[in-house]
Amino acid sequence: MHSADINKIIPFSSVDGPGNRTAIFLQGCNFNCKYCHNPETRNKCINCLDCVEHCPVSALKNEENRVRFYPEKCIGCDTCIKICKYGATPKIVRLTSRETFEKICENIPFIRGVTFSGGECMLYPDFMREVFELCKEKNLGTLIDSNGSIDFENMDDLLDVTDGVMLDVKAYDLKEHIKVTDFSNDIVLKNALYLADIGKLFEVRTVIVPELFDFRKTVYDTSAALAPFLKKSNIRYKLISYRENGVRKEFRDYRIPTEKEMNEAKNILVKNGFKDIVLI
């Protein structure tokens, strides 16, 4: 039985897929997005202990030079996250797939499904597969929210118990993608076509940051590449407006897109045949 580092579990979410869902955020990410809204999910705690003395309610303890988190004391002030220099959080819980499923079961019958997110949840494929196998026994829907950096073509066992993937396309152009994330998008674009071809691409997501990359080109090229697959299955395209919330201080100078710019992106999708379009 596999286990994973869990950043948080949102029992009831209406923004992580269709219907009311339990959303599980796994810790760790292999991208370094400049506009990351959850930068504390990127890295693992290195036990520097800086956060322990700053916790106002002693929910963090130094035990044998390691940070021990006591969730029952935590008041959610996020002081530890705000002072962390390493893009991490000490509030991580290591759970097995069975223990995670038991957490999910606490929300039945009030949920329609389960969504794994992150960080980058595809860093834990075997763990997710085990949880999803258990979810299917309860007839729960299963979705993956991924940056697309891990090759899905080698994940048949996982995809067999996954209803769909919500895939981030940060930028279509290689140089722009590296500028946004510090990494290539070769596997991301390959995954988009592969998942669309097998009917597992539930949603594509692009965060619109006008001054960081050419969002018009990204939306056009991505939707044009996926347009042929719309004949066989519906693919939702979600356009997300950049916001400052949670973004690291050194990357908060980007401009929020105007309503006109968001509608420009939407019109590009319409012209390329997309009908299921969401702007947030």
Protein backbone atom coordinates (compact mmCIF):
# COMPACT_ATOMS: atom_id res chain seq x y z
CA MET A 1 0.00 0.00 0.00
CA HIS A 2 1.38 3.37 -1.06
CA SER A 3 1.38 6.64 0.89
CA ALA A 4 1.69 10.32 0.00
CA ASP A 5 2.41 13.69 1.57
CA ILE A 6 -0.91 15.53 1.78
CA ASN A 7 -0.97 19.30 1.97
CA LYS A 8 -4.67 19.59 2.66
CA ILE A 9 -8.03 17.97 2.08
CA ILE A 10 -11.01 20.14 1.20
CA PRO A 11 -14.07 18.04 2.14
CA PHE A 12 -16.49 19.92 -0.13
CA SER A 13 -15.33 21.80 -3.21
CA SER A 14 -17.41 23.07 -6.13
CA VAL A 15 -14.46 24.38 -8.20
CA ASP A 16 -12.39 21.21 -8.64
CA GLY A 17 -14.59 19.44 -11.13
CA PRO A 18 -18.32 18.84 -11.63
CA GLY A 19 -20.59 18.73 -8.61
CA ASN A 20 -19.58 18.74 -4.98
CA ARG A 21 -16.25 16.97 -4.57
CA THR A 22 -13.56 16.20 -2.05
CA ALA A 23 -10.34 17.80 -3.28
CA ILE A 24 -7.02 16.41 -2.09
CA PHE A 25 -3.86 18.48 -2.55
CA LEU A 26 -0.60 16.54 -2.59
CA GLN A 27 2.71 18.13 -1.66
CA GLY A 28 5.53 18.70 -4.12
CA CYS A 29 5.77 20.15 -7.62
CA ASN A 30 8.33 19.93 -10.41
CA PHE A 31 7.35 23.29 -11.97
CA ASN A 32 8.25 26.73 -10.65
CA CYS A 33 5.40 28.84 -12.04
CA LYS A 34 6.02 32.54 -11.59
CA TYR A 35 2.35 33.17 -10.77
CA CYS A 36 1.87 30.12 -8.53
CA HIS A 37 -1.06 30.78 -6.22
CA ASN A 38 -0.08 27.96 -3.83
CA PRO A 39 3.72 28.28 -3.59
CA GLU A 40 3.78 26.46 -0.26
CA THR A 41 2.84 23.24 -2.09
CA ARG A 42 6.03 23.18 -4.20
CA ASN A 43 8.69 21.74 -1.91
CA LYS A 44 9.13 19.41 1.04
CA CYS A 45 9.88 20.76 4.51
CA ILE A 46 13.62 20.58 5.28
CA ASN A 47 13.10 20.89 9.05
CA CYS A 48 14.98 24.16 9.43
CA LEU A 49 12.73 24.76 12.47
CA ASP A 50 12.32 28.49 11.75
CA CYS A 51 8.54 28.18 11.87
CA VAL A 52 8.33 26.49 15.27
CA GLU A 53 8.99 29.56 17.40
CA HIS A 54 6.63 31.71 15.34
CA CYS A 55 3.54 29.53 15.71
CA PRO A 56 1.17 31.51 17.98
CA VAL A 57 -0.62 28.44 19.33
CA SER A 58 2.28 25.94 19.57
CA ALA A 59 0.83 23.70 16.86
CA LEU A 60 4.43 23.09 15.76
CA LYS A 61 7.00 21.42 17.98
CA ASN A 62 10.71 20.67 17.69
CA GLU A 63 10.98 16.96 18.30
CA GLU A 64 14.45 15.51 17.75
CA ASN A 65 15.31 18.35 15.34
CA ARG A 66 12.25 17.71 13.20
CA VAL A 67 9.06 19.74 12.94
CA ARG A 68 6.07 17.92 14.39
CA PHE A 69 2.66 19.28 13.41
CA TYR A 70 -0.30 19.01 15.77
CA PRO A 71 -3.34 19.71 13.57
CA GLU A 72 -5.78 19.76 16.49
CA LYS A 73 -4.09 22.96 17.75
CA CYS A 74 -3.79 24.74 14.38
CA ILE A 75 -5.95 27.85 13.88
CA GLY A 76 -5.13 28.24 10.19
CA CYS A 77 -3.29 31.55 10.51
CA ASP A 78 -0.62 30.34 8.02
CA THR A 79 2.17 32.14 9.89
CA CYS A 80 4.43 29.16 9.25
CA ILE A 81 3.78 29.32 5.51
CA LYS A 82 4.36 33.06 5.34
CA ILE A 83 7.80 32.88 6.93
CA CYS A 84 9.01 29.75 5.13
CA LYS A 85 11.92 30.53 2.79
CA TYR A 86 11.77 27.22 0.96
CA GLY A 87 8.34 27.09 -0.67
CA ALA A 88 7.10 24.50 1.78
CA THR A 89 4.85 24.00 4.76
CA PRO A 90 5.28 22.02 7.98
CA LYS A 91 1.56 21.18 7.96
CA ILE A 92 1.95 17.98 5.97
CA VAL A 93 0.27 14.71 6.86
CA ARG A 94 1.59 11.43 5.49
CA LEU A 95 -1.32 9.07 4.78
CA THR A 96 -1.67 5.70 3.11
CA SER A 97 -4.16 5.22 0.30
CA ARG A 98 -6.51 3.42 2.70
CA GLU A 99 -6.28 6.18 5.31
CA THR A 100 -6.95 8.79 2.61
CA PHE A 101 -9.98 6.86 1.41
CA GLU A 102 -11.30 6.72 4.96
CA LYS A 103 -11.08 10.53 5.05
CA ILE A 104 -13.06 10.65 1.81
CA CYS A 105 -15.70 8.31 3.19
CA GLU A 106 -16.47 10.83 5.94
CA ASN A 107 -18.02 13.03 3.23
CA ILE A 108 -20.24 10.41 1.62
CA PRO A 109 -23.11 10.81 0.62
CA PHE A 110 -22.58 14.55 0.22
CA ILE A 111 -20.05 14.36 -2.62
CA ARG A 112 -20.20 13.34 -6.25
CA GLY A 113 -16.53 12.59 -6.66
CA VAL A 114 -12.89 13.09 -5.73
CA THR A 115 -10.22 15.27 -7.34
CA PHE A 116 -6.49 15.02 -6.78
CA SER A 117 -4.52 18.24 -7.18
CA GLY A 118 -1.32 19.76 -5.82
CA GLY A 119 1.48 20.66 -6.03
CA GLU A 120 1.68 18.06 -8.76
CA CYS A 121 -0.34 14.99 -7.86
CA MET A 122 1.10 12.90 -10.73
CA LEU A 123 4.27 12.57 -8.68
CA TYR A 124 2.24 9.96 -6.72
CA PRO A 125 0.60 7.82 -9.47
CA ASP A 126 0.47 4.51 -7.59
CA PHE A 127 -0.97 6.16 -4.50
CA MET A 128 -3.71 7.84 -6.57
CA ARG A 129 -4.50 4.61 -8.39
CA GLU A 130 -5.07 2.80 -5.11
CA VAL A 131 -7.33 5.56 -3.79
CA PHE A 132 -9.30 5.72 -7.05
CA GLU A 133 -9.79 1.95 -7.06
CA LEU A 134 -11.41 2.27 -3.65
CA CYS A 135 -13.46 5.27 -4.81
CA LYS A 136 -14.87 3.26 -7.72
CA GLU A 137 -16.20 0.71 -5.24
CA LYS A 138 -18.32 3.56 -3.86
CA ASN A 139 -19.29 4.82 -7.35
CA LEU A 140 -17.43 8.09 -6.84
CA GLY A 141 -16.20 10.13 -9.80
CA THR A 142 -12.42 10.51 -10.11
CA LEU A 143 -10.48 13.44 -11.60
CA ILE A 144 -6.82 14.45 -11.79
CA ASP A 145 -5.71 18.09 -11.88
CA SER A 146 -2.20 18.03 -13.39
CA ASN A 147 0.46 20.26 -14.90
CA GLY A 148 0.99 17.54 -17.49
CA SER A 149 4.69 17.00 -16.83
CA ILE A 150 4.41 13.23 -16.29
CA ASP A 151 3.75 11.04 -19.34
CA PHE A 152 0.18 9.69 -19.09
CA GLU A 153 0.78 7.26 -21.94
CA ASN A 154 2.53 4.94 -19.47
CA MET A 155 -0.24 5.17 -16.88
CA ASP A 156 -2.89 2.75 -18.17
CA ASP A 157 -3.68 1.29 -14.74
CA LEU A 158 -4.26 4.76 -13.31
CA LEU A 159 -6.27 6.01 -16.28
CA ASP A 160 -8.51 2.92 -16.12
CA VAL A 161 -9.90 4.22 -12.80
CA THR A 162 -9.73 7.92 -13.73
CA ASP A 163 -12.75 9.61 -15.29
CA GLY A 164 -10.79 12.53 -16.66
CA VAL A 165 -7.83 14.87 -16.41
CA MET A 166 -7.86 18.63 -15.92
CA LEU A 167 -4.66 19.64 -17.70
CA ASP A 168 -2.80 22.93 -17.29
CA VAL A 169 -1.31 24.42 -20.45
CA LYS A 170 0.80 27.23 -19.02
CA ALA A 171 2.08 28.36 -22.43
CA TYR A 172 2.17 26.73 -25.86
CA ASP A 173 5.45 28.18 -27.08
CA LEU A 174 8.45 26.31 -25.64
CA LYS A 175 10.48 29.40 -24.75
CA GLU A 176 7.48 31.04 -23.12
CA HIS A 177 6.69 27.88 -21.15
CA ILE A 178 10.24 27.81 -19.82
CA LYS A 179 9.90 31.49 -18.93
CA VAL A 180 6.72 30.77 -16.98
CA THR A 181 7.69 27.48 -15.31
CA ASP A 182 11.47 26.95 -15.74
CA PHE A 183 10.66 23.70 -17.58
CA SER A 184 9.89 22.39 -21.06
CA ASN A 185 6.33 21.65 -22.20
CA ASP A 186 7.10 18.77 -24.58
CA ILE A 187 5.36 16.19 -22.38
CA VAL A 188 2.52 18.59 -21.56
CA LEU A 189 1.53 19.02 -25.20
CA LYS A 190 2.00 15.31 -25.87
CA ASN A 191 -0.31 14.54 -22.94
CA ALA A 192 -2.95 16.98 -24.21
CA LEU A 193 -3.20 15.16 -27.54
CA TYR A 194 -3.00 11.69 -26.02
CA LEU A 195 -5.64 12.31 -23.38
CA ALA A 196 -7.92 13.95 -25.93
CA ASP A 197 -7.51 10.98 -28.26
CA ILE A 198 -8.54 8.44 -25.62
CA GLY A 199 -11.39 10.60 -24.31
CA LYS A 200 -9.80 11.37 -20.94
CA LEU A 201 -9.18 15.11 -21.37
CA PHE A 202 -11.94 16.61 -19.26
CA GLU A 203 -10.63 20.16 -19.12
CA VAL A 204 -7.76 22.37 -20.28
CA ARG A 205 -6.73 25.28 -18.07
CA THR A 206 -4.73 28.39 -18.92
CA VAL A 207 -3.97 31.20 -16.47
CA ILE A 208 -4.07 34.51 -18.37
CA VAL A 209 -1.09 36.70 -17.41
CA PRO A 210 -0.84 39.32 -20.20
CA GLU A 211 2.64 40.62 -19.39
CA LEU A 212 4.25 37.20 -18.82
CA PHE A 213 3.48 35.40 -22.08
CA ASP A 214 1.45 35.74 -25.28
CA PHE A 215 -1.84 34.35 -23.99
CA ARG A 216 -3.57 34.81 -27.34
CA LYS A 217 -1.04 32.55 -29.06
CA THR A 218 -1.26 29.95 -26.31
CA VAL A 219 -5.07 29.84 -26.37
CA TYR A 220 -5.16 29.78 -30.18
CA ASP A 221 -2.47 27.12 -30.67
CA THR A 222 -3.76 24.89 -27.88
CA SER A 223 -7.39 25.03 -28.99
CA ALA A 224 -6.44 24.57 -32.66
CA ALA A 225 -4.44 21.44 -31.81
CA LEU A 226 -7.35 20.01 -29.81
CA ALA A 227 -10.15 21.08 -32.17
CA PRO A 228 -10.17 17.79 -34.17
CA PHE A 229 -10.93 15.84 -30.99
CA LEU A 230 -14.08 17.85 -30.22
CA LYS A 231 -15.95 15.68 -32.69
CA LYS A 232 -15.53 12.62 -30.50
CA SER A 233 -15.83 14.12 -26.99
CA ASN A 234 -16.48 17.36 -25.19
CA ILE A 235 -13.45 19.20 -23.82
CA ARG A 236 -13.92 22.11 -21.46
CA TYR A 237 -11.50 25.03 -21.67
CA LYS A 238 -11.14 27.11 -18.50
CA LEU A 239 -9.61 30.58 -18.74
CA ILE A 240 -8.32 31.72 -15.36
CA SER A 241 -7.61 35.36 -14.65
CA TYR A 242 -4.32 35.97 -12.89
CA ARG A 243 -4.73 37.21 -9.32
CA GLU A 244 -2.21 38.29 -6.71
CA ASN A 245 -3.66 36.05 -4.00
CA GLY A 246 -0.95 33.76 -2.61
CA VAL A 247 1.64 34.72 -5.24
CA ARG A 248 5.21 35.19 -3.98
CA LYS A 249 6.11 38.84 -3.35
CA GLU A 250 8.79 38.93 -6.03
CA PHE A 251 6.23 37.95 -8.68
CA ARG A 252 3.32 40.22 -7.80
CA ASP A 253 4.01 42.92 -10.39
CA TYR A 254 2.04 41.23 -13.16
CA ARG A 255 -1.10 42.91 -14.41
CA ILE A 256 -4.53 41.38 -13.95
CA PRO A 257 -6.12 40.83 -17.38
CA THR A 258 -8.95 43.12 -18.39
CA GLU A 259 -12.44 41.87 -19.12
CA LYS A 260 -11.76 42.69 -22.78
CA GLU A 261 -8.64 40.49 -22.81
CA MET A 262 -10.48 37.60 -21.19
CA ASN A 263 -13.23 37.88 -23.79
CA GLU A 264 -10.61 37.98 -26.55
CA ALA A 265 -9.32 34.64 -25.33
CA LYS A 266 -12.86 33.29 -25.17
CA ASN A 267 -13.59 34.40 -28.74
CA ILE A 268 -10.48 32.58 -29.95
CA LEU A 269 -11.84 29.39 -28.41
CA VAL A 270 -15.24 29.90 -29.98
CA LYS A 271 -13.69 30.36 -33.43
CA ASN A 272 -11.74 27.12 -32.97
CA GLY A 273 -14.91 25.19 -32.15
CA PHE A 274 -14.98 25.10 -28.37
CA LYS A 275 -18.41 25.38 -26.78
CA ASP A 276 -17.75 24.48 -23.15
CA ILE A 277 -15.80 27.57 -22.02
CA VAL A 278 -15.45 28.81 -18.44
CA LEU A 279 -14.00 32.17 -17.38
CA ILE A 280 -13.00 32.70 -13.77
